Amino acid sequence: MRSPAMGFAFALACLALAAVSRCHAQISSATLTQANTYLQSGQADDALALLTPLPTSGAGAAQAQNLLCRVRFTLQQWSQAAANCQQAVNLDQQNSDDSMWLGRALGQQAGHASFLSAYGIAKRSLSAMQTAAKLNPQNGPALSDLGDYYAQAPGIAGGGTDKAEAVAEQLDKVDSARAQQLRGDIAMAKKDYTTAEGAYRQAVATAKEPADYWSVLANFYRSRQQWSDVDSAIQGCIAAVAKDKNSSFALYDGAGVLIAAKRNPSLAAQMLENYLSSSQLNEQAPAFIAHIWLSRLKQQLGDAAGAMAELAIAAQMAKEFNPSQA
């Protein structure tokens, strides 16, 4: 007969074995695919509910942690996103995308941190970006991130336009449109606006999918208060999306330019509605934020009921997101 003490010890052993089994359980590809579907469509709550209970080690865990990082990123939960991406990197140190997303999350965390802690976080961000580019020199988005960091960061934090220009040359062999956008960003850092405009226009001209580069150009013109040029670039974005539905997320960026410029709210609302009704929702353009923006625009346009409805939809998608952050 087992004593009570032995029974308790046996129960603890069973719990420990169950925990070990859970930690090393394989995460199915179907689960990861569904989580990514939720992420792309802006269903942050559903993505968190699926991803949070998953094992933190074993087959598929690195992908799950990367997805969880990216969901937190859309929610602007920077420190939590960075922690999840760090876990993904720890599990798969040869994955360029994991390091890229860690760099992005740390970069945002640094931008929202206190002065005393921002420097250290920024250096970690740079290290992750450098690792991402080294692991896969063909990773265009990772190279763009690294180049932008160099262009914008002060020298004390590892920045430098000469370093950014070297990355642009590397990008020429991978994605010429991204390389031109980076050159535009470098010129902006130097306050050379004529060169910047030319580079952004060249990005539009060389891109296979130019819609988002039109929105970049529109944002440049907004910064220069060249309003007729803003309007023309926005129309270029809309026309490019009409030719390539896969780039519908550019409508989100274009609407964001109009909102920031406090210009043409009816067109901005239409662009957001067209994006949200498309089949190409994208994590780069979180649908719940699009609904929040659309709510404000509808309120501005006198549709109070429509504004409330849009806010309700956003809340159903991402309860942890504070609308004031959008």
C-alpha atoms as a PDB file:
ATOM      1  CA  MET A   1       0.000   0.000   0.000  1.00  0.00           C
ATOM      2  CA  ARG A   2       1.364   3.443  -1.046  1.00  0.00           C
ATOM      3  CA  SER A   3       1.770   5.920   1.841  1.00  0.00           C
ATOM      4  CA  PRO A   4       0.158   9.378   1.592  1.00  0.00           C
ATOM      5  CA  ALA A   5       3.626  10.909   1.247  1.00  0.00           C
ATOM      6  CA  MET A   6       4.496   8.545  -1.579  1.00  0.00           C
ATOM      7  CA  GLY A   7       1.177   9.320  -3.242  1.00  0.00           C
ATOM      8  CA  PHE A   8       1.893  13.024  -3.095  1.00  0.00           C
ATOM      9  CA  ALA A   9       5.372  12.512  -4.504  1.00  0.00           C
ATOM     10  CA  PHE A  10       3.941  10.357  -7.285  1.00  0.00           C
ATOM     11  CA  ALA A  11       1.403  13.062  -8.149  1.00  0.00           C
ATOM     12  CA  LEU A  12       4.156  15.677  -8.304  1.00  0.00           C
ATOM     13  CA  ALA A  13       6.202  13.420 -10.551  1.00  0.00           C
ATOM     14  CA  CYS A  14       3.219  12.990 -12.860  1.00  0.00           C
ATOM     15  CA  LEU A  15       2.713  16.738 -13.031  1.00  0.00           C
ATOM     16  CA  ALA A  16       6.407  17.239 -13.780  1.00  0.00           C
ATOM     17  CA  LEU A  17       6.300  14.647 -16.544  1.00  0.00           C
ATOM     18  CA  ALA A  18       3.195  16.279 -17.975  1.00  0.00           C
ATOM     19  CA  ALA A  19       4.919  19.657 -17.938  1.00  0.00           C
ATOM     20  CA  VAL A  20       7.986  18.231 -19.688  1.00  0.00           C
ATOM     21  CA  SER A  21       5.754  16.534 -22.232  1.00  0.00           C
ATOM     22  CA  ARG A  22       3.915  19.792 -22.850  1.00  0.00           C
ATOM     23  CA  CYS A  23       7.144  21.768 -23.205  1.00  0.00           C
ATOM     24  CA  HIS A  24       8.461  19.369 -25.834  1.00  0.00           C
ATOM     25  CA  ALA A  25       5.196  18.700 -27.635  1.00  0.00           C
ATOM     26  CA  GLN A  26       5.190  19.345 -31.356  1.00  0.00           C
ATOM     27  CA  ILE A  27       3.155  22.298 -32.562  1.00  0.00           C
ATOM     28  CA  SER A  28       1.273  21.355 -35.693  1.00  0.00           C
ATOM     29  CA  SER A  29       1.754  23.279 -38.925  1.00  0.00           C
ATOM     30  CA  ALA A  30      -2.026  23.690 -39.092  1.00  0.00           C
ATOM     31  CA  THR A  31      -1.972  25.563 -35.774  1.00  0.00           C
ATOM     32  CA  LEU A  32       0.807  27.851 -36.960  1.00  0.00           C
ATOM     33  CA  THR A  33      -0.989  28.473 -40.243  1.00  0.00           C
ATOM     34  CA  GLN A  34      -4.196  29.386 -38.425  1.00  0.00           C
ATOM     35  CA  ALA A  35      -2.311  31.721 -36.079  1.00  0.00           C
ATOM     36  CA  ASN A  36      -0.734  33.464 -39.050  1.00  0.00           C
ATOM     37  CA  THR A  37      -4.157  33.801 -40.685  1.00  0.00           C
ATOM     38  CA  TYR A  38      -5.432  35.518 -37.546  1.00  0.00           C
ATOM     39  CA  LEU A  39      -2.370  37.798 -37.500  1.00  0.00           C
ATOM     40  CA  GLN A  40      -2.715  38.859 -41.123  1.00  0.00           C
ATOM     41  CA  SER A  41      -6.439  39.568 -40.762  1.00  0.00           C
ATOM     42  CA  GLY A  42      -5.959  41.652 -37.623  1.00  0.00           C
ATOM     43  CA  GLN A  43      -7.718  39.186 -35.326  1.00  0.00           C
ATOM     44  CA  ALA A  44      -5.280  39.824 -32.495  1.00  0.00           C
ATOM     45  CA  ASP A  45      -7.441  38.349 -29.724  1.00  0.00           C
ATOM     46  CA  ASP A  46      -7.921  35.083 -31.616  1.00  0.00           C
ATOM     47  CA  ALA A  47      -4.202  34.906 -32.398  1.00  0.00           C
ATOM     48  CA  LEU A  48      -3.253  35.438 -28.755  1.00  0.00           C
ATOM     49  CA  ALA A  49      -5.774  32.853 -27.569  1.00  0.00           C
ATOM     50  CA  LEU A  50      -4.275  30.298 -29.929  1.00  0.00           C
ATOM     51  CA  LEU A  51      -0.591  31.109 -29.452  1.00  0.00           C
ATOM     52  CA  THR A  52      -0.254  31.935 -25.754  1.00  0.00           C
ATOM     53  CA  PRO A  53      -0.914  28.402 -24.395  1.00  0.00           C
ATOM     54  CA  LEU A  54       1.460  26.722 -26.864  1.00  0.00           C
ATOM     55  CA  PRO A  55       4.708  25.047 -25.722  1.00  0.00           C
ATOM     56  CA  THR A  56       7.717  27.339 -25.494  1.00  0.00           C
ATOM     57  CA  SER A  57      10.187  24.731 -26.734  1.00  0.00           C
ATOM     58  CA  GLY A  58      10.200  21.822 -29.122  1.00  0.00           C
ATOM     59  CA  ALA A  59       9.223  21.548 -32.768  1.00  0.00           C
ATOM     60  CA  GLY A  60       7.379  24.622 -34.016  1.00  0.00           C
ATOM     61  CA  ALA A  61       7.990  26.668 -30.869  1.00  0.00           C
ATOM     62  CA  ALA A  62      10.331  29.150 -32.555  1.00  0.00           C
ATOM     63  CA  GLN A  63       7.715  29.893 -35.222  1.00  0.00           C
ATOM     64  CA  ALA A  64       5.022  30.225 -32.569  1.00  0.00           C
ATOM     65  CA  GLN A  65       7.129  32.690 -30.570  1.00  0.00           C
ATOM     66  CA  ASN A  66       7.853  34.691 -33.720  1.00  0.00           C
ATOM     67  CA  LEU A  67       4.135  34.879 -34.497  1.00  0.00           C
ATOM     68  CA  LEU A  68       3.378  35.877 -30.911  1.00  0.00           C
ATOM     69  CA  CYS A  69       6.025  38.602 -31.172  1.00  0.00           C
ATOM     70  CA  ARG A  70       4.429  39.939 -34.334  1.00  0.00           C
ATOM     71  CA  VAL A  71       0.938  39.939 -32.814  1.00  0.00           C
ATOM     72  CA  ARG A  72       2.304  41.899 -29.842  1.00  0.00           C
ATOM     73  CA  PHE A  73       4.015  44.196 -32.344  1.00  0.00           C
ATOM     74  CA  THR A  74       0.700  45.067 -34.008  1.00  0.00           C
ATOM     75  CA  LEU A  75      -0.700  45.750 -30.532  1.00  0.00           C
ATOM     76  CA  GLN A  76       2.275  48.066 -29.865  1.00  0.00           C
ATOM     77  CA  GLN A  77       3.260  46.011 -26.824  1.00  0.00           C
ATOM     78  CA  TRP A  78       6.935  46.521 -27.523  1.00  0.00           C
ATOM     79  CA  SER A  79       8.625  44.929 -24.500  1.00  0.00           C
ATOM     80  CA  GLN A  80       6.433  41.825 -24.687  1.00  0.00           C
ATOM     81  CA  ALA A  81       7.020  41.585 -28.427  1.00  0.00           C
ATOM     82  CA  ALA A  82      10.772  41.818 -27.891  1.00  0.00           C
ATOM     83  CA  ALA A  83      10.653  39.092 -25.234  1.00  0.00           C
ATOM     84  CA  ASN A  84       8.783  36.734 -27.571  1.00  0.00           C
ATOM     85  CA  CYS A  85      11.123  37.452 -30.477  1.00  0.00           C
ATOM     86  CA  GLN A  86      14.134  36.915 -28.220  1.00  0.00           C
ATOM     87  CA  GLN A  87      12.703  33.517 -27.331  1.00  0.00           C
ATOM     88  CA  ALA A  88      12.290  32.726 -31.038  1.00  0.00           C
ATOM     89  CA  VAL A  89      15.922  33.690 -31.679  1.00  0.00           C
ATOM     90  CA  ASN A  90      17.086  31.600 -28.728  1.00  0.00           C
ATOM     91  CA  LEU A  91      15.287  28.600 -30.192  1.00  0.00           C
ATOM     92  CA  ASP A  92      16.485  29.124 -33.775  1.00  0.00           C
ATOM     93  CA  GLN A  93      19.633  31.224 -33.944  1.00  0.00           C
ATOM     94  CA  GLN A  94      20.060  30.716 -37.705  1.00  0.00           C
ATOM     95  CA  ASN A  95      16.741  32.273 -38.718  1.00  0.00           C
ATOM     96  CA  SER A  96      17.198  35.686 -40.334  1.00  0.00           C
ATOM     97  CA  ASP A  97      13.530  36.672 -40.011  1.00  0.00           C
ATOM     98  CA  ASP A  98      13.496  35.959 -36.276  1.00  0.00           C
ATOM     99  CA  SER A  99      16.475  38.281 -35.777  1.00  0.00           C
ATOM    100  CA  MET A 100      14.885  40.879 -38.057  1.00  0.00           C
ATOM    101  CA  TRP A 101      11.709  40.966 -35.991  1.00  0.00           C
ATOM    102  CA  LEU A 102      13.712  41.079 -32.767  1.00  0.00           C
ATOM    103  CA  GLY A 103      15.519  44.127 -34.134  1.00  0.00           C
ATOM    104  CA  ARG A 104      12.213  45.767 -35.042  1.00  0.00           C
ATOM    105  CA  ALA A 105      10.637  45.093 -31.651  1.00  0.00           C
ATOM    106  CA  LEU A 106      13.705  46.320 -29.762  1.00  0.00           C
ATOM    107  CA  GLY A 107      13.845  49.395 -31.977  1.00  0.00           C
ATOM    108  CA  GLN A 108      10.289  50.325 -31.064  1.00  0.00           C
ATOM    109  CA  GLN A 109      10.955  49.524 -27.413  1.00  0.00           C
ATOM    110  CA  ALA A 110      13.972  51.857 -27.478  1.00  0.00           C
ATOM    111  CA  GLY A 111      11.886  54.591 -29.077  1.00  0.00           C
ATOM    112  CA  HIS A 112       9.392  54.423 -26.232  1.00  0.00           C
ATOM    113  CA  ALA A 113      11.892  53.892 -23.391  1.00  0.00           C
ATOM    114  CA  SER A 114      13.363  56.369 -20.935  1.00  0.00           C
ATOM    115  CA  PHE A 115      16.508  58.222 -21.961  1.00  0.00           C
ATOM    116  CA  LEU A 116      18.647  56.165 -19.603  1.00  0.00           C
ATOM    117  CA  SER A 117      17.570  52.781 -20.978  1.00  0.00           C
ATOM    118  CA  ALA A 118      16.988  53.676 -24.642  1.00  0.00           C
ATOM    119  CA  TYR A 119      20.672  53.543 -25.609  1.00  0.00           C
ATOM    120  CA  GLY A 120      21.228  49.989 -24.412  1.00  0.00           C
ATOM    121  CA  ILE A 121      18.036  48.739 -26.061  1.00  0.00           C
ATOM    122  CA  ALA A 122      18.951  50.495 -29.317  1.00  0.00           C
ATOM    123  CA  LYS A 123      22.342  48.783 -29.370  1.00  0.00           C
ATOM    124  CA  ARG A 124      20.622  45.422 -28.929  1.00  0.00           C
ATOM    125  CA  SER A 125      18.300  46.339 -31.790  1.00  0.00           C
ATOM    126  CA  LEU A 126      21.261  47.137 -34.035  1.00  0.00           C
ATOM    127  CA  SER A 127      22.954  43.862 -33.134  1.00  0.00           C
ATOM    128  CA  ALA A 128      19.819  41.904 -34.054  1.00  0.00           C
ATOM    129  CA  MET A 129      19.494  43.774 -37.370  1.00  0.00           C
ATOM    130  CA  GLN A 130      23.130  43.105 -38.215  1.00  0.00           C
ATOM    131  CA  THR A 131      22.654  39.436 -37.407  1.00  0.00           C
ATOM    132  CA  ALA A 132      19.559  39.226 -39.626  1.00  0.00           C
ATOM    133  CA  ALA A 133      21.446  40.738 -42.569  1.00  0.00           C
ATOM    134  CA  LYS A 134      24.445  38.476 -41.995  1.00  0.00           C
ATOM    135  CA  LEU A 135      22.357  35.310 -41.746  1.00  0.00           C
ATOM    136  CA  ASN A 136      20.631  36.049 -45.045  1.00  0.00           C
ATOM    137  CA  PRO A 137      22.254  38.709 -47.253  1.00  0.00           C
ATOM    138  CA  GLN A 138      19.288  38.318 -49.648  1.00  0.00           C
ATOM    139  CA  ASN A 139      16.749  39.378 -47.010  1.00  0.00           C
ATOM    140  CA  GLY A 140      15.592  42.688 -48.475  1.00  0.00           C
ATOM    141  CA  PRO A 141      13.400  43.796 -45.550  1.00  0.00           C
ATOM    142  CA  ALA A 142      16.205  43.024 -43.072  1.00  0.00           C
ATOM    143  CA  LEU A 143      18.697  45.034 -45.124  1.00  0.00           C
ATOM    144  CA  SER A 144      16.210  47.915 -45.336  1.00  0.00           C
ATOM    145  CA  ASP A 145      15.793  47.903 -41.562  1.00  0.00           C
ATOM    146  CA  LEU A 146      19.552  47.943 -41.039  1.00  0.00           C
ATOM    147  CA  GLY A 147      20.055  50.736 -43.561  1.00  0.00           C
ATOM    148  CA  ASP A 148      17.307  52.851 -42.012  1.00  0.00           C
ATOM    149  CA  TYR A 149      18.864  52.400 -38.580  1.00  0.00           C
ATOM    150  CA  TYR A 150      22.232  53.569 -39.859  1.00  0.00           C
ATOM    151  CA  ALA A 151      20.626  56.535 -41.637  1.00  0.00           C
ATOM    152  CA  GLN A 152      18.637  57.748 -38.649  1.00  0.00           C
ATOM    153  CA  ALA A 153      20.634  56.803 -35.540  1.00  0.00           C
ATOM    154  CA  PRO A 154      23.354  59.075 -34.133  1.00  0.00           C
ATOM    155  CA  GLY A 155      26.943  57.930 -34.358  1.00  0.00           C
ATOM    156  CA  ILE A 156      27.088  57.199 -30.632  1.00  0.00           C
ATOM    157  CA  ALA A 157      24.404  54.548 -31.174  1.00  0.00           C
ATOM    158  CA  GLY A 158      26.157  53.030 -34.178  1.00  0.00           C
ATOM    159  CA  GLY A 159      24.523  55.116 -36.896  1.00  0.00           C
ATOM    160  CA  GLY A 160      26.118  56.786 -39.888  1.00  0.00           C
ATOM    161  CA  THR A 161      24.998  57.682 -43.394  1.00  0.00           C
ATOM    162  CA  ASP A 162      28.172  56.147 -44.843  1.00  0.00           C
ATOM    163  CA  LYS A 163      27.140  52.812 -43.359  1.00  0.00           C
ATOM    164  CA  ALA A 164      23.617  53.271 -44.719  1.00  0.00           C
ATOM    165  CA  GLU A 165      24.984  53.959 -48.201  1.00  0.00           C
ATOM    166  CA  ALA A 166      26.972  50.719 -48.078  1.00  0.00           C
ATOM    167  CA  VAL A 167      23.763  48.841 -47.259  1.00  0.00           C
ATOM    168  CA  ALA A 168      21.999  50.572 -50.175  1.00  0.00           C
ATOM    169  CA  GLU A 169      24.691  49.229 -52.508  1.00  0.00           C
ATOM    170  CA  GLN A 170      24.098  45.759 -51.093  1.00  0.00           C
ATOM    171  CA  LEU A 171      20.347  46.201 -51.583  1.00  0.00           C
ATOM    172  CA  ASP A 172      20.868  47.087 -55.251  1.00  0.00           C
ATOM    173  CA  LYS A 173      21.574  43.403 -55.883  1.00  0.00           C
ATOM    174  CA  VAL A 174      18.505  42.252 -53.945  1.00  0.00           C
ATOM    175  CA  ASP A 175      15.704  44.787 -54.462  1.00  0.00           C
ATOM    176  CA  SER A 176      16.442  47.955 -56.405  1.00  0.00           C
ATOM    177  CA  ALA A 177      13.237  49.697 -55.284  1.00  0.00           C
ATOM    178  CA  ARG A 178      14.095  49.169 -51.617  1.00  0.00           C
ATOM    179  CA  ALA A 179      17.605  50.440 -52.354  1.00  0.00           C
ATOM    180  CA  GLN A 180      16.196  53.642 -53.847  1.00  0.00           C
ATOM    181  CA  GLN A 181      13.850  54.161 -50.910  1.00  0.00           C
ATOM    182  CA  LEU A 182      16.794  53.780 -48.552  1.00  0.00           C
ATOM    183  CA  ARG A 183      18.730  56.359 -50.572  1.00  0.00           C
ATOM    184  CA  GLY A 184      15.757  58.672 -50.184  1.00  0.00           C
ATOM    185  CA  ASP A 185      15.841  58.127 -46.424  1.00  0.00           C
ATOM    186  CA  ILE A 186      19.576  58.822 -46.359  1.00  0.00           C
ATOM    187  CA  ALA A 187      19.049  62.057 -48.281  1.00  0.00           C
ATOM    188  CA  MET A 188      16.303  63.051 -45.845  1.00  0.00           C
ATOM    189  CA  ALA A 189      18.709  62.508 -42.956  1.00  0.00           C
ATOM    190  CA  LYS A 190      21.079  64.897 -44.732  1.00  0.00           C
ATOM    191  CA  LYS A 191      18.207  67.345 -45.431  1.00  0.00           C
ATOM    192  CA  ASP A 192      18.920  66.971 -49.151  1.00  0.00           C
ATOM    193  CA  TYR A 193      15.291  67.080 -50.236  1.00  0.00           C
ATOM    194  CA  THR A 194      15.908  67.244 -53.976  1.00  0.00           C
ATOM    195  CA  THR A 195      17.914  64.017 -53.894  1.00  0.00           C
ATOM    196  CA  ALA A 196      15.345  62.428 -51.600  1.00  0.00           C
ATOM    197  CA  GLU A 197      12.492  63.205 -53.988  1.00  0.00           C
ATOM    198  CA  GLY A 198      14.437  61.784 -56.912  1.00  0.00           C
ATOM    199  CA  ALA A 199      15.220  58.574 -55.027  1.00  0.00           C
ATOM    200  CA  TYR A 200      11.627  58.051 -53.919  1.00  0.00           C
ATOM    201  CA  ARG A 201      10.428  58.634 -57.484  1.00  0.00           C
ATOM    202  CA  GLN A 202      12.998  56.150 -58.746  1.00  0.00           C
ATOM    203  CA  ALA A 203      11.689  53.609 -56.237  1.00  0.00           C
ATOM    204  CA  VAL A 204       8.206  54.021 -57.701  1.00  0.00           C
ATOM    205  CA  ALA A 205       9.555  53.663 -61.242  1.00  0.00           C
ATOM    206  CA  THR A 206      11.572  50.507 -60.575  1.00  0.00           C
ATOM    207  CA  ALA A 207       9.248  48.639 -58.214  1.00  0.00           C
ATOM    208  CA  LYS A 208       7.365  45.611 -59.520  1.00  0.00           C
ATOM    209  CA  GLU A 209       4.617  46.495 -57.027  1.00  0.00           C
ATOM    210  CA  PRO A 210       4.794  50.297 -56.776  1.00  0.00           C
ATOM    211  CA  ALA A 211       1.663  51.012 -54.703  1.00  0.00           C
ATOM    212  CA  ASP A 212       3.398  51.326 -51.335  1.00  0.00           C
ATOM    213  CA  TYR A 213       6.235  53.376 -52.823  1.00  0.00           C
ATOM    214  CA  TRP A 214       3.604  55.857 -54.013  1.00  0.00           C
ATOM    215  CA  SER A 215       2.502  56.200 -50.378  1.00  0.00           C
ATOM    216  CA  VAL A 216       6.140  56.742 -49.337  1.00  0.00           C
ATOM    217  CA  LEU A 217       6.402  59.496 -51.943  1.00  0.00           C
ATOM    218  CA  ALA A 218       3.109  60.985 -50.738  1.00  0.00           C
ATOM    219  CA  ASN A 219       4.442  61.074 -47.187  1.00  0.00           C
ATOM    220  CA  PHE A 220       7.582  62.850 -48.405  1.00  0.00           C
ATOM    221  CA  TYR A 221       5.451  65.508 -50.063  1.00  0.00           C
ATOM    222  CA  ARG A 222       3.362  65.808 -46.876  1.00  0.00           C
ATOM    223  CA  SER A 223       6.538  66.532 -44.905  1.00  0.00           C
ATOM    224  CA  ARG A 224       7.349  69.276 -47.427  1.00  0.00           C
ATOM    225  CA  GLN A 225       3.746  70.591 -47.455  1.00  0.00           C
ATOM    226  CA  GLN A 226       3.544  70.134 -51.223  1.00  0.00           C
ATOM    227  CA  TRP A 227      -0.166  69.479 -51.198  1.00  0.00           C
ATOM    228  CA  SER A 228      -0.874  69.082 -54.909  1.00  0.00           C
ATOM    229  CA  ASP A 229       1.982  66.590 -55.109  1.00  0.00           C
ATOM    230  CA  VAL A 230       0.508  64.718 -52.133  1.00  0.00           C
ATOM    231  CA  ASP A 231      -2.782  64.426 -54.021  1.00  0.00           C
ATOM    232  CA  SER A 232      -1.055  63.180 -57.173  1.00  0.00           C
ATOM    233  CA  ALA A 233       0.967  60.564 -55.268  1.00  0.00           C
ATOM    234  CA  ILE A 234      -2.145  59.310 -53.473  1.00  0.00           C
ATOM    235  CA  GLN A 235      -3.869  58.894 -56.812  1.00  0.00           C
ATOM    236  CA  GLY A 236      -0.827  56.992 -58.013  1.00  0.00           C
ATOM    237  CA  CYS A 237      -1.159  54.678 -55.018  1.00  0.00           C
ATOM    238  CA  ILE A 238      -4.856  54.065 -55.701  1.00  0.00           C
ATOM    239  CA  ALA A 239      -4.198  53.365 -59.392  1.00  0.00           C
ATOM    240  CA  ALA A 240      -1.388  50.936 -58.585  1.00  0.00           C
ATOM    241  CA  VAL A 241      -3.598  49.009 -56.150  1.00  0.00           C
ATOM    242  CA  ALA A 242      -6.308  48.786 -58.815  1.00  0.00           C
ATOM    243  CA  LYS A 243      -3.785  46.991 -61.027  1.00  0.00           C
ATOM    244  CA  ASP A 244      -2.438  44.756 -58.261  1.00  0.00           C
ATOM    245  CA  LYS A 245      -4.892  43.717 -55.544  1.00  0.00           C
ATOM    246  CA  ASN A 246      -2.069  42.037 -53.611  1.00  0.00           C
ATOM    247  CA  SER A 247      -0.838  45.508 -52.650  1.00  0.00           C
ATOM    248  CA  SER A 248      -4.113  46.629 -51.064  1.00  0.00           C
ATOM    249  CA  PHE A 249      -2.333  47.313 -47.775  1.00  0.00           C
ATOM    250  CA  ALA A 250      -0.826  50.396 -49.465  1.00  0.00           C
ATOM    251  CA  LEU A 251      -4.295  51.956 -49.207  1.00  0.00           C
ATOM    252  CA  TYR A 252      -3.860  51.872 -45.423  1.00  0.00           C
ATOM    253  CA  ASP A 253      -0.540  53.694 -45.670  1.00  0.00           C
ATOM    254  CA  GLY A 254      -1.938  56.214 -48.129  1.00  0.00           C
ATOM    255  CA  ALA A 255      -4.926  56.884 -45.890  1.00  0.00           C
ATOM    256  CA  GLY A 256      -2.509  57.379 -43.020  1.00  0.00           C
ATOM    257  CA  VAL A 257      -0.728  60.087 -45.008  1.00  0.00           C
ATOM    258  CA  LEU A 258      -4.011  61.905 -45.642  1.00  0.00           C
ATOM    259  CA  ILE A 259      -5.002  61.607 -41.979  1.00  0.00           C
ATOM    260  CA  ALA A 260      -1.644  62.998 -40.832  1.00  0.00           C
ATOM    261  CA  ALA A 261      -2.035  65.851 -43.333  1.00  0.00           C
ATOM    262  CA  LYS A 262      -5.637  66.476 -42.200  1.00  0.00           C
ATOM    263  CA  ARG A 263      -6.562  66.360 -45.842  1.00  0.00           C
ATOM    264  CA  ASN A 264      -9.475  64.852 -47.793  1.00  0.00           C
ATOM    265  CA  PRO A 265     -11.091  62.748 -45.036  1.00  0.00           C
ATOM    266  CA  SER A 266     -13.706  61.329 -47.400  1.00  0.00           C
ATOM    267  CA  LEU A 267     -11.014  59.880 -49.677  1.00  0.00           C
ATOM    268  CA  ALA A 268      -9.073  58.544 -46.682  1.00  0.00           C
ATOM    269  CA  ALA A 269     -12.243  56.826 -45.431  1.00  0.00           C
ATOM    270  CA  GLN A 270     -12.892  55.314 -48.857  1.00  0.00           C
ATOM    271  CA  MET A 271      -9.337  54.001 -49.037  1.00  0.00           C
ATOM    272  CA  LEU A 272      -9.675  52.349 -45.635  1.00  0.00           C
ATOM    273  CA  GLU A 273     -13.038  50.838 -46.528  1.00  0.00           C
ATOM    274  CA  ASN A 274     -11.577  49.447 -49.742  1.00  0.00           C
ATOM    275  CA  TYR A 275      -8.650  47.976 -47.824  1.00  0.00           C
ATOM    276  CA  LEU A 276     -10.858  46.389 -45.176  1.00  0.00           C
ATOM    277  CA  SER A 277     -13.159  44.879 -47.805  1.00  0.00           C
ATOM    278  CA  SER A 278     -10.237  43.381 -49.739  1.00  0.00           C
ATOM    279  CA  SER A 279      -9.020  39.807 -49.391  1.00  0.00           C
ATOM    280  CA  GLN A 280      -5.461  40.994 -48.816  1.00  0.00           C
ATOM    281  CA  LEU A 281      -5.401  42.176 -45.198  1.00  0.00           C
ATOM    282  CA  ASN A 282      -1.861  42.347 -43.900  1.00  0.00           C
ATOM    283  CA  GLU A 283      -0.119  42.627 -40.544  1.00  0.00           C
ATOM    284  CA  GLN A 284       1.745  45.684 -41.896  1.00  0.00           C
ATOM    285  CA  ALA A 285      -1.649  47.400 -41.925  1.00  0.00           C
ATOM    286  CA  PRO A 286      -3.482  46.080 -38.828  1.00  0.00           C
ATOM    287  CA  ALA A 287      -7.186  45.863 -39.583  1.00  0.00           C
ATOM    288  CA  PHE A 288      -8.215  46.888 -36.067  1.00  0.00           C
ATOM    289  CA  ILE A 289      -6.227  50.124 -36.402  1.00  0.00           C
ATOM    290  CA  ALA A 290      -7.827  50.699 -39.800  1.00  0.00           C
ATOM    291  CA  HIS A 291     -11.247  50.428 -38.119  1.00  0.00           C
ATOM    292  CA  ILE A 292     -10.182  52.929 -35.446  1.00  0.00           C
ATOM    293  CA  TRP A 293      -8.969  55.388 -38.081  1.00  0.00           C
ATOM    294  CA  LEU A 294     -12.175  54.874 -40.027  1.00  0.00           C
ATOM    295  CA  SER A 295     -14.186  55.555 -36.879  1.00  0.00           C
ATOM    296  CA  ARG A 296     -12.519  58.929 -36.445  1.00  0.00           C
ATOM    297  CA  LEU A 297     -13.035  59.807 -40.082  1.00  0.00           C
ATOM    298  CA  LYS A 298     -16.717  58.880 -39.949  1.00  0.00           C
ATOM    299  CA  GLN A 299     -17.142  61.001 -36.835  1.00  0.00           C
ATOM    300  CA  GLN A 300     -15.457  63.873 -38.665  1.00  0.00           C
ATOM    301  CA  LEU A 301     -17.762  63.345 -41.652  1.00  0.00           C
ATOM    302  CA  GLY A 302     -20.869  63.438 -39.439  1.00  0.00           C
ATOM    303  CA  ASP A 303     -21.601  59.690 -39.256  1.00  0.00           C
ATOM    304  CA  ALA A 304     -21.699  59.174 -35.484  1.00  0.00           C
ATOM    305  CA  ALA A 305     -23.425  55.779 -35.670  1.00  0.00           C
ATOM    306  CA  GLY A 306     -20.911  54.530 -38.220  1.00  0.00           C
ATOM    307  CA  ALA A 307     -18.075  55.768 -36.040  1.00  0.00           C
ATOM    308  CA  MET A 308     -19.357  53.806 -33.040  1.00  0.00           C
ATOM    309  CA  ALA A 309     -19.779  50.688 -35.164  1.00  0.00           C
ATOM    310  CA  GLU A 310     -16.175  50.859 -36.362  1.00  0.00           C
ATOM    311  CA  LEU A 311     -14.894  51.225 -32.807  1.00  0.00           C
ATOM    312  CA  ALA A 312     -16.947  48.210 -31.742  1.00  0.00           C
ATOM    313  CA  ILE A 313     -15.441  46.099 -34.519  1.00  0.00           C
ATOM    314  CA  ALA A 314     -11.925  47.143 -33.493  1.00  0.00           C
ATOM    315  CA  ALA A 315     -12.642  46.229 -29.862  1.00  0.00           C
ATOM    316  CA  GLN A 316     -13.854  42.783 -30.904  1.00  0.00           C
ATOM    317  CA  MET A 317     -10.621  42.189 -32.791  1.00  0.00           C
ATOM    318  CA  ALA A 318      -8.095  43.535 -30.294  1.00  0.00           C
ATOM    319  CA  LYS A 319      -9.338  44.117 -26.766  1.00  0.00           C
ATOM    320  CA  GLU A 320      -5.817  44.771 -25.472  1.00  0.00           C
ATOM    321  CA  PHE A 321      -5.252  47.678 -27.854  1.00  0.00           C
ATOM    322  CA  ASN A 322      -5.985  51.171 -26.594  1.00  0.00           C
ATOM    323  CA  PRO A 323      -7.572  53.238 -29.420  1.00  0.00           C
ATOM    324  CA  SER A 324      -5.632  56.286 -28.240  1.00  0.00           C
ATOM    325  CA  GLN A 325      -2.443  54.570 -29.441  1.00  0.00           C
ATOM    326  CA  ALA A 326      -3.637  54.586 -33.067  1.00  0.00           C
END
